[in-house]
Amino acid sequence: MSEYELLDLIASGTAQMADMFTLYLTVLSAYLLVAYIVGGKLSTTQNVGLSLLFLFATLGQGIGIYQNGVHIGELLARKEELSPLTPYESQYVANTNTWVIAMVVGILVSVAFMWQIRRSPAG
């Protein structure tokens, strides 16, 4: 595979990761809005169901981004055989892992917020 083809695959994978992150932010925003507006009024069953749906949607995006980052890392290793990596390319996988960790923290904080709202006396 030529260097151009590898770079094209890397660019396509990066665009796909951006789409996945956009979906993650959309689901996260919707969950936080629901938590803030009606979180205290939800029954336990509704809250558990909504939280599980949220976890399924957001963790799926996080896993997809991680797997895509691993694949891009493999493509970068193949590209390195053809030409030296740029500083950005050499840090790509580490940057992807940082974003995935930030996503997981966001998920945990959001679920904690929902359950905190639910337990608040005003809710």
PDB file of N, CA and C in Angstrom:
ATOM      1  N   MET A   1       0.849  -1.170   0.000  1.00  0.00           N
ATOM      2  CA  MET A   1       0.000   0.000   0.000  1.00  0.00           C
ATOM      3  C   MET A   1       0.900   1.239   0.000  1.00  0.00           C
ATOM      4  N   SER A   2       0.527   2.219  -0.785  1.00  0.00           N
ATOM      5  CA  SER A   2       1.355   3.419  -0.900  1.00  0.00           C
ATOM      6  C   SER A   2       1.152   4.336   0.310  1.00  0.00           C
ATOM      7  N   GLU A   3       2.051   5.279   0.441  1.00  0.00           N
ATOM      8  CA  GLU A   3       1.957   6.242   1.544  1.00  0.00           C
ATOM      9  C   GLU A   3       0.676   7.063   1.428  1.00  0.00           C
ATOM     10  N   TYR A   4       0.328   7.444   0.202  1.00  0.00           N
ATOM     11  CA  TYR A   4      -0.898   8.216  -0.008  1.00  0.00           C
ATOM     12  C   TYR A   4      -2.128   7.435   0.458  1.00  0.00           C
ATOM     13  N   GLU A   5      -2.183   6.168   0.116  1.00  0.00           N
ATOM     14  CA  GLU A   5      -3.333   5.346   0.516  1.00  0.00           C
ATOM     15  C   GLU A   5      -3.409   5.207   2.039  1.00  0.00           C
ATOM     16  N   LEU A   6      -2.265   5.047   2.680  1.00  0.00           N
ATOM     17  CA  LEU A   6      -2.245   4.970   4.141  1.00  0.00           C
ATOM     18  C   LEU A   6      -2.728   6.279   4.758  1.00  0.00           C
ATOM     19  N   LEU A   7      -2.250   7.396   4.232  1.00  0.00           N
ATOM     20  CA  LEU A   7      -2.672   8.694   4.754  1.00  0.00           C
ATOM     21  C   LEU A   7      -4.165   8.926   4.531  1.00  0.00           C
ATOM     22  N   ASP A   8      -4.681   8.439   3.406  1.00  0.00           N
ATOM     23  CA  ASP A   8      -6.112   8.565   3.134  1.00  0.00           C
ATOM     24  C   ASP A   8      -6.929   7.743   4.130  1.00  0.00           C
ATOM     25  N   LEU A   9      -6.484   6.529   4.427  1.00  0.00           N
ATOM     26  CA  LEU A   9      -7.166   5.701   5.427  1.00  0.00           C
ATOM     27  C   LEU A   9      -7.109   6.341   6.814  1.00  0.00           C
ATOM     28  N   ILE A  10      -5.974   6.918   7.145  1.00  0.00           N
ATOM     29  CA  ILE A  10      -5.818   7.589   8.442  1.00  0.00           C
ATOM     30  C   ILE A  10      -6.761   8.791   8.523  1.00  0.00           C
ATOM     31  N   ALA A  11      -6.834   9.567   7.464  1.00  0.00           N
ATOM     32  CA  ALA A  11      -7.733  10.728   7.446  1.00  0.00           C
ATOM     33  C   ALA A  11      -9.192  10.297   7.556  1.00  0.00           C
ATOM     34  N   SER A  12      -9.554   9.222   6.873  1.00  0.00           N
ATOM     35  CA  SER A  12     -10.933   8.718   6.958  1.00  0.00           C
ATOM     36  C   SER A  12     -11.240   8.221   8.363  1.00  0.00           C
ATOM     37  N   GLY A  13     -10.293   7.528   8.982  1.00  0.00           N
ATOM     38  CA  GLY A  13     -10.492   7.052  10.353  1.00  0.00           C
ATOM     39  C   GLY A  13     -10.624   8.193  11.334  1.00  0.00           C
ATOM     40  N   THR A  14      -9.836   9.236  11.122  1.00  0.00           N
ATOM     41  CA  THR A  14      -9.916  10.411  11.991  1.00  0.00           C
ATOM     42  C   THR A  14     -11.273  11.093  11.855  1.00  0.00           C
ATOM     43  N   ALA A  15     -11.788  11.197  10.648  1.00  0.00           N
ATOM     44  CA  ALA A  15     -13.115  11.789  10.436  1.00  0.00           C
ATOM     45  C   ALA A  15     -14.199  10.941  11.099  1.00  0.00           C
ATOM     46  N   GLN A  16     -14.060   9.648  11.021  1.00  0.00           N
ATOM     47  CA  GLN A  16     -15.028   8.763  11.668  1.00  0.00           C
ATOM     48  C   GLN A  16     -14.984   8.938  13.186  1.00  0.00           C
ATOM     49  N   MET A  17     -13.789   9.101  13.734  1.00  0.00           N
ATOM     50  CA  MET A  17     -13.665   9.319  15.172  1.00  0.00           C
ATOM     51  C   MET A  17     -14.313  10.645  15.581  1.00  0.00           C
ATOM     52  N   ALA A  18     -14.177  11.663  14.749  1.00  0.00           N
ATOM     53  CA  ALA A  18     -14.819  12.949  15.039  1.00  0.00           C
ATOM     54  C   ALA A  18     -16.335  12.793  15.030  1.00  0.00           C
ATOM     55  N   ASP A  19     -16.865  12.026  14.103  1.00  0.00           N
ATOM     56  CA  ASP A  19     -18.309  11.760  14.072  1.00  0.00           C
ATOM     57  C   ASP A  19     -18.760  11.033  15.335  1.00  0.00           C
ATOM     58  N   MET A  20     -17.975  10.045  15.769  1.00  0.00           N
ATOM     59  CA  MET A  20     -18.318   9.307  16.986  1.00  0.00           C
ATOM     60  C   MET A  20     -18.311  10.222  18.202  1.00  0.00           C
ATOM     61  N   PHE A  21     -17.341  11.126  18.261  1.00  0.00           N
ATOM     62  CA  PHE A  21     -17.274  12.042  19.399  1.00  0.00           C
ATOM     63  C   PHE A  21     -18.447  13.014  19.377  1.00  0.00           C
ATOM     64  N   THR A  22     -18.867  13.438  18.196  1.00  0.00           N
ATOM     65  CA  THR A  22     -20.030  14.309  18.080  1.00  0.00           C
ATOM     66  C   THR A  22     -21.288  13.595  18.586  1.00  0.00           C
ATOM     67  N   LEU A  23     -21.452  12.327  18.227  1.00  0.00           N
ATOM     68  CA  LEU A  23     -22.586  11.558  18.737  1.00  0.00           C
ATOM     69  C   LEU A  23     -22.520  11.419  20.259  1.00  0.00           C
ATOM     70  N   TYR A  24     -21.319  11.201  20.775  1.00  0.00           N
ATOM     71  CA  TYR A  24     -21.136  11.113  22.229  1.00  0.00           C
ATOM     72  C   TYR A  24     -21.593  12.415  22.896  1.00  0.00           C
ATOM     73  N   LEU A  25     -21.153  13.556  22.371  1.00  0.00           N
ATOM     74  CA  LEU A  25     -21.549  14.838  22.964  1.00  0.00           C
ATOM     75  C   LEU A  25     -23.057  15.071  22.880  1.00  0.00           C
ATOM     76  N   THR A  26     -23.679  14.630  21.801  1.00  0.00           N
ATOM     77  CA  THR A  26     -25.120  14.777  21.655  1.00  0.00           C
ATOM     78  C   THR A  26     -25.868  13.973  22.711  1.00  0.00           C
ATOM     79  N   VAL A  27     -25.485  12.719  22.882  1.00  0.00           N
ATOM     80  CA  VAL A  27     -26.137  11.860  23.871  1.00  0.00           C
ATOM     81  C   VAL A  27     -25.860  12.375  25.285  1.00  0.00           C
ATOM     82  N   LEU A  28     -24.632  12.799  25.536  1.00  0.00           N
ATOM     83  CA  LEU A  28     -24.269  13.332  26.849  1.00  0.00           C
ATOM     84  C   LEU A  28     -25.098  14.577  27.176  1.00  0.00           C
ATOM     85  N   SER A  29     -25.232  15.481  26.225  1.00  0.00           N
ATOM     86  CA  SER A  29     -26.014  16.698  26.435  1.00  0.00           C
ATOM     87  C   SER A  29     -27.478  16.379  26.705  1.00  0.00           C
ATOM     88  N   ALA A  30     -28.037  15.459  25.938  1.00  0.00           N
ATOM     89  CA  ALA A  30     -29.439  15.080  26.146  1.00  0.00           C
ATOM     90  C   ALA A  30     -29.640  14.468  27.530  1.00  0.00           C
ATOM     91  N   TYR A  31     -28.728  13.612  27.944  1.00  0.00           N
ATOM     92  CA  TYR A  31     -28.832  12.964  29.256  1.00  0.00           C
ATOM     93  C   TYR A  31     -28.746  13.997  30.382  1.00  0.00           C
ATOM     94  N   LEU A  32     -27.816  14.937  30.255  1.00  0.00           N
ATOM     95  CA  LEU A  32     -27.685  15.969  31.286  1.00  0.00           C
ATOM     96  C   LEU A  32     -28.909  16.882  31.338  1.00  0.00           C
ATOM     97  N   LEU A  33     -29.479  17.198  30.191  1.00  0.00           N
ATOM     98  CA  LEU A  33     -30.708  18.000  30.171  1.00  0.00           C
ATOM     99  C   LEU A  33     -31.862  17.261  30.848  1.00  0.00           C
ATOM    100  N   VAL A  34     -32.012  15.995  30.532  1.00  0.00           N
ATOM    101  CA  VAL A  34     -33.063  15.198  31.168  1.00  0.00           C
ATOM    102  C   VAL A  34     -32.821  15.127  32.672  1.00  0.00           C
ATOM    103  N   ALA A  35     -31.577  14.923  33.065  1.00  0.00           N
ATOM    104  CA  ALA A  35     -31.252  14.840  34.492  1.00  0.00           C
ATOM    105  C   ALA A  35     -31.609  16.147  35.196  1.00  0.00           C
ATOM    106  N   TYR A  36     -31.279  17.258  34.585  1.00  0.00           N
ATOM    107  CA  TYR A  36     -31.515  18.549  35.215  1.00  0.00           C
ATOM    108  C   TYR A  36     -33.001  18.908  35.255  1.00  0.00           C
ATOM    109  N   ILE A  37     -33.699  18.639  34.149  1.00  0.00           N
ATOM    110  CA  ILE A  37     -35.093  19.072  34.063  1.00  0.00           C
ATOM    111  C   ILE A  37     -36.043  18.139  34.806  1.00  0.00           C
ATOM    112  N   VAL A  38     -35.927  16.836  34.591  1.00  0.00           N
ATOM    113  CA  VAL A  38     -36.904  15.903  35.179  1.00  0.00           C
ATOM    114  C   VAL A  38     -36.266  14.778  35.992  1.00  0.00           C
ATOM    115  N   GLY A  39     -34.974  14.849  36.247  1.00  0.00           N
ATOM    116  CA  GLY A  39     -34.291  13.764  36.948  1.00  0.00           C
ATOM    117  C   GLY A  39     -34.914  13.419  38.288  1.00  0.00           C
ATOM    118  N   GLY A  40     -35.322  14.426  39.035  1.00  0.00           N
ATOM    119  CA  GLY A  40     -35.915  14.193  40.346  1.00  0.00           C
ATOM    120  C   GLY A  40     -37.307  13.595  40.297  1.00  0.00           C
ATOM    121  N   LYS A  41     -37.973  13.682  39.162  1.00  0.00           N
ATOM    122  CA  LYS A  41     -39.344  13.177  39.023  1.00  0.00           C
ATOM    123  C   LYS A  41     -39.406  11.769  38.455  1.00  0.00           C
ATOM    124  N   LEU A  42     -38.276  11.230  38.030  1.00  0.00           N
ATOM    125  CA  LEU A  42     -38.262   9.895  37.426  1.00  0.00           C
ATOM    126  C   LEU A  42     -38.352   8.827  38.512  1.00  0.00           C
ATOM    127  N   SER A  43     -39.064   7.761  38.207  1.00  0.00           N
ATOM    128  CA  SER A  43     -39.086   6.616  39.119  1.00  0.00           C
ATOM    129  C   SER A  43     -37.739   5.899  39.038  1.00  0.00           C
ATOM    130  N   THR A  44     -37.503   5.010  39.973  1.00  0.00           N
ATOM    131  CA  THR A  44     -36.240   4.261  39.966  1.00  0.00           C
ATOM    132  C   THR A  44     -36.106   3.453  38.681  1.00  0.00           C
ATOM    133  N   THR A  45     -37.189   2.834  38.248  1.00  0.00           N
ATOM    134  CA  THR A  45     -37.150   2.034  37.024  1.00  0.00           C
ATOM    135  C   THR A  45     -36.826   2.901  35.813  1.00  0.00           C
ATOM    136  N   GLN A  46     -37.449   4.059  35.727  1.00  0.00           N
ATOM    137  CA  GLN A  46     -37.182   4.967  34.616  1.00  0.00           C
ATOM    138  C   GLN A  46     -35.731   5.447  34.656  1.00  0.00           C
ATOM    139  N   ASN A  47     -35.258   5.768  35.844  1.00  0.00           N
ATOM    140  CA  ASN A  47     -33.894   6.255  35.983  1.00  0.00           C
ATOM    141  C   ASN A  47     -32.878   5.176  35.597  1.00  0.00           C
ATOM    142  N   VAL A  48     -33.100   3.964  36.060  1.00  0.00           N
ATOM    143  CA  VAL A  48     -32.184   2.866  35.721  1.00  0.00           C
ATOM    144  C   VAL A  48     -32.215   2.607  34.216  1.00  0.00           C
ATOM    145  N   GLY A  49     -33.404   2.562  33.641  1.00  0.00           N
ATOM    146  CA  GLY A  49     -33.526   2.333  32.199  1.00  0.00           C
ATOM    147  C   GLY A  49     -32.842   3.415  31.381  1.00  0.00           C
ATOM    148  N   LEU A  50     -33.071   4.664  31.756  1.00  0.00           N
ATOM    149  CA  LEU A  50     -32.453   5.781  31.047  1.00  0.00           C
ATOM    150  C   LEU A  50     -30.934   5.762  31.208  1.00  0.00           C
ATOM    151  N   SER A  51     -30.468   5.462  32.418  1.00  0.00           N
ATOM    152  CA  SER A  51     -29.022   5.419  32.658  1.00  0.00           C
ATOM    153  C   SER A  51     -28.360   4.276  31.888  1.00  0.00           C
ATOM    154  N   LEU A  52     -29.017   3.126  31.824  1.00  0.00           N
ATOM    155  CA  LEU A  52     -28.460   2.009  31.054  1.00  0.00           C
ATOM    156  C   LEU A  52     -28.405   2.336  29.569  1.00  0.00           C
ATOM    157  N   LEU A  53     -29.450   2.970  29.065  1.00  0.00           N
ATOM    158  CA  LEU A  53     -29.470   3.384  27.660  1.00  0.00           C
ATOM    159  C   LEU A  53     -28.342   4.385  27.389  1.00  0.00           C
ATOM    160  N   PHE A  54     -28.164   5.321  28.298  1.00  0.00           N
ATOM    161  CA  PHE A  54     -27.093   6.306  28.187  1.00  0.00           C
ATOM    162  C   PHE A  54     -25.722   5.620  28.178  1.00  0.00           C
ATOM    163  N   LEU A  55     -25.525   4.697  29.115  1.00  0.00           N
ATOM    164  CA  LEU A  55     -24.247   3.986  29.184  1.00  0.00           C
ATOM    165  C   LEU A  55     -23.982   3.188  27.917  1.00  0.00           C
ATOM    166  N   PHE A  56     -25.002   2.528  27.405  1.00  0.00           N
ATOM    167  CA  PHE A  56     -24.858   1.752  26.176  1.00  0.00           C
ATOM    168  C   PHE A  56     -24.433   2.657  25.015  1.00  0.00           C
ATOM    169  N   ALA A  57     -25.105   3.793  24.881  1.00  0.00           N
ATOM    170  CA  ALA A  57     -24.827   4.691  23.756  1.00  0.00           C
ATOM    171  C   ALA A  57     -23.445   5.335  23.867  1.00  0.00           C
ATOM    172  N   THR A  58     -23.105   5.814  25.052  1.00  0.00           N
ATOM    173  CA  THR A  58     -21.839   6.538  25.184  1.00  0.00           C
ATOM    174  C   THR A  58     -20.630   5.608  25.251  1.00  0.00           C
ATOM    175  N   LEU A  59     -20.759   4.499  25.949  1.00  0.00           N
ATOM    176  CA  LEU A  59     -19.635   3.568  25.994  1.00  0.00           C
ATOM    177  C   LEU A  59     -19.377   2.949  24.624  1.00  0.00           C
ATOM    178  N   GLY A  60     -20.438   2.756  23.852  1.00  0.00           N
ATOM    179  CA  GLY A  60     -20.266   2.256  22.483  1.00  0.00           C
ATOM    180  C   GLY A  60     -19.439   3.215  21.642  1.00  0.00           C
ATOM    181  N   GLN A  61     -19.694   4.498  21.804  1.00  0.00           N
ATOM    182  CA  GLN A  61     -18.902   5.494  21.064  1.00  0.00           C
ATOM    183  C   GLN A  61     -17.460   5.492  21.551  1.00  0.00           C
ATOM    184  N   GLY A  62     -17.264   5.392  22.861  1.00  0.00           N
ATOM    185  CA  GLY A  62     -15.907   5.368  23.408  1.00  0.00           C
ATOM    186  C   GLY A  62     -15.116   4.162  22.942  1.00  0.00           C
ATOM    187  N   ILE A  63     -15.757   3.006  22.939  1.00  0.00           N
ATOM    188  CA  ILE A  63     -15.088   1.788  22.465  1.00  0.00           C
ATOM    189  C   ILE A  63     -14.763   1.905  20.979  1.00  0.00           C
ATOM    190  N   GLY A  64     -15.689   2.468  20.217  1.00  0.00           N
ATOM    191  CA  GLY A  64     -15.441   2.666  18.788  1.00  0.00           C
ATOM    192  C   GLY A  64     -14.267   3.592  18.526  1.00  0.00           C
ATOM    193  N   ILE A  65     -14.178   4.672  19.291  1.00  0.00           N
ATOM    194  CA  ILE A  65     -13.057   5.602  19.130  1.00  0.00           C
ATOM    195  C   ILE A  65     -11.750   4.916  19.509  1.00  0.00           C
ATOM    196  N   TYR A  66     -11.766   4.155  20.603  1.00  0.00           N
ATOM    197  CA  TYR A  66     -10.546   3.448  21.020  1.00  0.00           C
ATOM    198  C   TYR A  66     -10.096   2.452  19.947  1.00  0.00           C
ATOM    199  N   GLN A  67     -11.037   1.653  19.439  1.00  0.00           N
ATOM    200  CA  GLN A  67     -10.682   0.658  18.416  1.00  0.00           C
ATOM    201  C   GLN A  67     -10.184   1.326  17.141  1.00  0.00           C
ATOM    202  N   ASN A  68     -10.806   2.425  16.765  1.00  0.00           N
ATOM    203  CA  ASN A  68     -10.364   3.151  15.587  1.00  0.00           C
ATOM    204  C   ASN A  68      -8.963   3.711  15.803  1.00  0.00           C
ATOM    205  N   GLY A  69      -8.684   4.192  17.026  1.00  0.00           N
ATOM    206  CA  GLY A  69      -7.354   4.698  17.341  1.00  0.00           C
ATOM    207  C   GLY A  69      -6.297   3.611  17.245  1.00  0.00           C
ATOM    208  N   VAL A  70      -6.643   2.408  17.709  1.00  0.00           N
ATOM    209  CA  VAL A  70      -5.708   1.276  17.605  1.00  0.00           C
ATOM    210  C   VAL A  70      -5.428   0.961  16.138  1.00  0.00           C
ATOM    211  N   HIS A  71      -6.482   0.946  15.330  1.00  0.00           N
ATOM    212  CA  HIS A  71      -6.314   0.662  13.901  1.00  0.00           C
ATOM    213  C   HIS A  71      -5.457   1.736  13.229  1.00  0.00           C
ATOM    214  N   ILE A  72      -5.688   2.978  13.570  1.00  0.00           N
ATOM    215  CA  ILE A  72      -4.885   4.060  12.993  1.00  0.00           C
ATOM    216  C   ILE A  72      -3.430   3.928  13.448  1.00  0.00           C
ATOM    217  N   GLY A  73      -3.220   3.487  14.686  1.00  0.00           N
ATOM    218  CA  GLY A  73      -1.860   3.240  15.156  1.00  0.00           C
ATOM    219  C   GLY A  73      -1.151   2.196  14.310  1.00  0.00           C
ATOM    220  N   GLU A  74      -1.884   1.153  13.930  1.00  0.00           N
ATOM    221  CA  GLU A  74      -1.310   0.124  13.051  1.00  0.00           C
ATOM    222  C   GLU A  74      -0.985   0.701  11.675  1.00  0.00           C
ATOM    223  N   LEU A  75      -1.874   1.534  11.164  1.00  0.00           N
ATOM    224  CA  LEU A  75      -1.615   2.168   9.863  1.00  0.00           C
ATOM    225  C   LEU A  75      -0.408   3.098   9.950  1.00  0.00           C
ATOM    226  N   LEU A  76      -0.267   3.804  11.071  1.00  0.00           N
ATOM    227  CA  LEU A  76       0.887   4.690  11.239  1.00  0.00           C
ATOM    228  C   LEU A  76       2.195   3.897  11.308  1.00  0.00           C
ATOM    229  N   ALA A  77       2.146   2.718  11.914  1.00  0.00           N
ATOM    230  CA  ALA A  77       3.347   1.868  11.952  1.00  0.00           C
ATOM    231  C   ALA A  77       3.740   1.450  10.536  1.00  0.00           C
ATOM    232  N   ARG A  78       2.748   1.159   9.710  1.00  0.00           N
ATOM    233  CA  ARG A  78       3.044   0.811   8.310  1.00  0.00           C
ATOM    234  C   ARG A  78       3.566   2.021   7.546  1.00  0.00           C
ATOM    235  N   LYS A  79       3.017   3.201   7.848  1.00  0.00           N
ATOM    236  CA  LYS A  79       3.473   4.417   7.184  1.00  0.00           C
ATOM    237  C   LYS A  79       4.911   4.741   7.579  1.00  0.00           C
ATOM    238  N   GLU A  80       5.264   4.440   8.831  1.00  0.00           N
ATOM    239  CA  GLU A  80       6.616   4.730   9.312  1.00  0.00           C
ATOM    240  C   GLU A  80       7.665   3.925   8.539  1.00  0.00           C
ATOM    241  N   GLU A  81       7.263   2.781   8.020  1.00  0.00           N
ATOM    242  CA  GLU A  81       8.185   1.995   7.199  1.00  0.00           C
ATOM    243  C   GLU A  81       8.510   2.702   5.885  1.00  0.00           C
ATOM    244  N   LEU A  82       7.591   3.562   5.435  1.00  0.00           N
ATOM    245  CA  LEU A  82       7.784   4.264   4.165  1.00  0.00           C
ATOM    246  C   LEU A  82       8.446   5.629   4.346  1.00  0.00           C
ATOM    247  N   SER A  83       8.091   6.343   5.407  1.00  0.00           N
ATOM    248  CA  SER A  83       8.664   7.672   5.658  1.00  0.00           C
ATOM    249  C   SER A  83       8.536   7.990   7.146  1.00  0.00           C
ATOM    250  N   PRO A  84       9.369   8.892   7.664  1.00  0.00           N
ATOM    251  CA  PRO A  84       9.305   9.223   9.088  1.00  0.00           C
ATOM    252  C   PRO A  84       7.965   9.859   9.457  1.00  0.00           C
ATOM    253  N   LEU A  85       7.535   9.591  10.690  1.00  0.00           N
ATOM    254  CA  LEU A  85       6.284  10.177  11.180  1.00  0.00           C
ATOM    255  C   LEU A  85       6.511  11.620  11.603  1.00  0.00           C
ATOM    256  N   THR A  86       5.495  12.445  11.426  1.00  0.00           N
ATOM    257  CA  THR A  86       5.551  13.812  11.935  1.00  0.00           C
ATOM    258  C   THR A  86       5.349  13.761  13.451  1.00  0.00           C
ATOM    259  N   PRO A  87       5.676  14.838  14.159  1.00  0.00           N
ATOM    260  CA  PRO A  87       5.446  14.831  15.612  1.00  0.00           C
ATOM    261  C   PRO A  87       3.981  14.558  15.978  1.00  0.00           C
ATOM    262  N   TYR A  88       3.051  15.101  15.200  1.00  0.00           N
ATOM    263  CA  TYR A  88       1.630  14.851  15.459  1.00  0.00           C
ATOM    264  C   TYR A  88       1.302  13.379  15.287  1.00  0.00           C
ATOM    265  N   GLU A  89       1.787  12.781  14.207  1.00  0.00           N
ATOM    266  CA  GLU A  89       1.501  11.369  13.943  1.00  0.00           C
ATOM    267  C   GLU A  89       2.068  10.466  15.030  1.00  0.00           C
ATOM    268  N   SER A  90       3.234  10.816  15.549  1.00  0.00           N
ATOM    269  CA  SER A  90       3.856   9.954  16.558  1.00  0.00           C
ATOM    270  C   SER A  90       3.113  10.004  17.889  1.00  0.00           C
ATOM    271  N   GLN A  91       2.345  11.052  18.146  1.00  0.00           N
ATOM    272  CA  GLN A  91       1.585  11.177  19.391  1.00  0.00           C
ATOM    273  C   GLN A  91       0.109  10.832  19.225  1.00  0.00           C
ATOM    274  N   TYR A  92      -0.287  10.389  18.052  1.00  0.00           N
ATOM    275  CA  TYR A  92      -1.701  10.212  17.730  1.00  0.00           C
ATOM    276  C   TYR A  92      -2.410   9.249  18.670  1.00  0.00           C
ATOM    277  N   VAL A  93      -1.842   8.079  18.899  1.00  0.00           N
ATOM    278  CA  VAL A  93      -2.501   7.060  19.717  1.00  0.00           C
ATOM    279  C   VAL A  93      -2.605   7.535  21.160  1.00  0.00           C
ATOM    280  N   ALA A  94      -1.569   8.178  21.684  1.00  0.00           N
ATOM    281  CA  ALA A  94      -1.621   8.692  23.058  1.00  0.00           C
ATOM    282  C   ALA A  94      -2.713   9.753  23.191  1.00  0.00           C
ATOM    283  N   ASN A  95      -2.844  10.614  22.183  1.00  0.00           N
ATOM    284  CA  ASN A  95      -3.901  11.631  22.215  1.00  0.00           C
ATOM    285  C   ASN A  95      -5.280  10.991  22.174  1.00  0.00           C
ATOM    286  N   THR A  96      -5.438   9.946  21.379  1.00  0.00           N
ATOM    287  CA  THR A  96      -6.718   9.246  21.300  1.00  0.00           C
ATOM    288  C   THR A  96      -7.068   8.638  22.653  1.00  0.00           C
ATOM    289  N   ASN A  97      -6.094   8.026  23.317  1.00  0.00           N
ATOM    290  CA  ASN A  97      -6.350   7.425  24.627  1.00  0.00           C
ATOM    291  C   ASN A  97      -6.746   8.484  25.646  1.00  0.00           C
ATOM    292  N   THR A  98      -6.170   9.670  25.561  1.00  0.00           N
ATOM    293  CA  THR A  98      -6.535  10.762  26.465  1.00  0.00           C
ATOM    294  C   THR A  98      -7.996  11.155  26.270  1.00  0.00           C
ATOM    295  N   TRP A  99      -8.436  11.237  25.016  1.00  0.00           N
ATOM    296  CA  TRP A  99      -9.832  11.575  24.745  1.00  0.00           C
ATOM    297  C   TRP A  99     -10.778  10.499  25.264  1.00  0.00           C
ATOM    298  N   VAL A 100     -10.403   9.244  25.118  1.00  0.00           N
ATOM    299  CA  VAL A 100     -11.255   8.151  25.606  1.00  0.00           C
ATOM    300  C   VAL A 100     -11.357   8.215  27.132  1.00  0.00           C
ATOM    301  N   ILE A 101     -10.267   8.490  27.803  1.00  0.00           N
ATOM    302  CA  ILE A 101     -10.302   8.618  29.263  1.00  0.00           C
ATOM    303  C   ILE A 101     -11.204   9.787  29.669  1.00  0.00           C
ATOM    304  N   ALA A 102     -11.099  10.907  28.954  1.00  0.00           N
ATOM    305  CA  ALA A 102     -11.961  12.058  29.236  1.00  0.00           C
ATOM    306  C   ALA A 102     -13.433  11.704  29.018  1.00  0.00           C
ATOM    307  N   MET A 103     -13.713  10.895  28.003  1.00  0.00           N
ATOM    308  CA  MET A 103     -15.095  10.473  27.751  1.00  0.00           C
ATOM    309  C   MET A 103     -15.613   9.623  28.907  1.00  0.00           C
ATOM    310  N   VAL A 104     -14.813   8.703  29.383  1.00  0.00           N
ATOM    311  CA  VAL A 104     -15.238   7.833  30.488  1.00  0.00           C
ATOM    312  C   VAL A 104     -15.490   8.667  31.744  1.00  0.00           C
ATOM    313  N   VAL A 105     -14.628   9.634  32.013  1.00  0.00           N
ATOM    314  CA  VAL A 105     -14.840  10.518  33.167  1.00  0.00           C
ATOM    315  C   VAL A 105     -16.144  11.293  33.000  1.00  0.00           C
ATOM    316  N   GLY A 106     -16.399  11.793  31.804  1.00  0.00           N
ATOM    317  CA  GLY A 106     -17.655  12.499  31.534  1.00  0.00           C
ATOM    318  C   GLY A 106     -18.874  11.624  31.748  1.00  0.00           C
ATOM    319  N   ILE A 107     -18.772  10.372  31.359  1.00  0.00           N
ATOM    320  CA  ILE A 107     -19.879   9.429  31.552  1.00  0.00           C
ATOM    321  C   ILE A 107     -20.128   9.213  33.037  1.00  0.00           C
ATOM    322  N   LEU A 108     -19.078   8.960  33.786  1.00  0.00           N
ATOM    323  CA  LEU A 108     -19.226   8.705  35.226  1.00  0.00           C
ATOM    324  C   LEU A 108     -19.777   9.923  35.963  1.00  0.00           C
ATOM    325  N   VAL A 109     -19.287  11.108  35.630  1.00  0.00           N
ATOM    326  CA  VAL A 109     -19.772  12.333  36.267  1.00  0.00           C
ATOM    327  C   VAL A 109     -21.246  12.565  35.923  1.00  0.00           C
ATOM    328  N   SER A 110     -21.634  12.284  34.698  1.00  0.00           N
ATOM    329  CA  SER A 110     -23.026  12.479  34.284  1.00  0.00           C
ATOM    330  C   SER A 110     -23.979  11.537  35.018  1.00  0.00           C
ATOM    331  N   VAL A 111     -23.591  10.278  35.140  1.00  0.00           N
ATOM    332  CA  VAL A 111     -24.437   9.323  35.867  1.00  0.00           C
ATOM    333  C   VAL A 111     -24.527   9.728  37.341  1.00  0.00           C
ATOM    334  N   ALA A 112     -23.417  10.146  37.918  1.00  0.00           N
ATOM    335  CA  ALA A 112     -23.433  10.603  39.312  1.00  0.00           C
ATOM    336  C   ALA A 112     -24.334  11.822  39.465  1.00  0.00           C
ATOM    337  N   PHE A 113     -24.303  12.736  38.506  1.00  0.00           N
ATOM    338  CA  PHE A 113     -25.168  13.914  38.540  1.00  0.00           C
ATOM    339  C   PHE A 113     -26.634  13.513  38.511  1.00  0.00           C
ATOM    340  N   MET A 114     -26.982  12.573  37.632  1.00  0.00           N
ATOM    341  CA  MET A 114     -28.376  12.112  37.552  1.00  0.00           C
ATOM    342  C   MET A 114     -28.832  11.547  38.894  1.00  0.00           C
ATOM    343  N   TRP A 115     -28.029  10.723  39.496  1.00  0.00           N
ATOM    344  CA  TRP A 115     -28.427  10.095  40.761  1.00  0.00           C
ATOM    345  C   TRP A 115     -28.406  11.090  41.909  1.00  0.00           C
ATOM    346  N   GLN A 116     -27.541  12.092  41.826  1.00  0.00           N
ATOM    347  CA  GLN A 116     -27.526  13.144  42.855  1.00  0.00           C
ATOM    348  C   GLN A 116     -28.801  13.989  42.759  1.00  0.00           C
ATOM    349  N   ILE A 117     -29.196  14.339  41.550  1.00  0.00           N
ATOM    350  CA  ILE A 117     -30.434  15.112  41.347  1.00  0.00           C
ATOM    351  C   ILE A 117     -31.615  14.310  41.876  1.00  0.00           C
ATOM    352  N   ARG A 118     -31.603  13.028  41.609  1.00  0.00           N
ATOM    353  CA  ARG A 118     -32.705  12.165  42.025  1.00  0.00           C
ATOM    354  C   ARG A 118     -32.836  12.119  43.542  1.00  0.00           C
ATOM    355  N   ARG A 119     -31.725  12.178  44.227  1.00  0.00           N
ATOM    356  CA  ARG A 119     -31.745  12.067  45.691  1.00  0.00           C
ATOM    357  C   ARG A 119     -31.892  13.417  46.388  1.00  0.00           C
ATOM    358  N   SER A 120     -31.845  14.507  45.644  1.00  0.00           N
ATOM    359  CA  SER A 120     -31.933  15.828  46.268  1.00  0.00           C
ATOM    360  C   SER A 120     -33.347  16.068  46.786  1.00  0.00           C
ATOM    361  N   PRO A 121     -33.489  16.774  47.899  1.00  0.00           N
ATOM    362  CA  PRO A 121     -34.810  17.012  48.471  1.00  0.00           C
ATOM    363  C   PRO A 121     -35.711  17.865  47.571  1.00  0.00           C
ATOM    364  N   ALA A 122     -35.130  18.726  46.744  1.00  0.00           N
ATOM    365  CA  ALA A 122     -35.935  19.580  45.868  1.00  0.00           C
ATOM    366  C   ALA A 122     -36.509  18.799  44.702  1.00  0.00           C
ATOM    367  N   GLY A 123     -35.895  17.622  44.342  1.00  0.00           N
ATOM    368  CA  GLY A 123     -36.332  16.853  43.180  1.00  0.00           C
ATOM    369  C   GLY A 123     -37.524  16.089  43.480  1.00  0.00           C
TER     370      GLY A 123
END
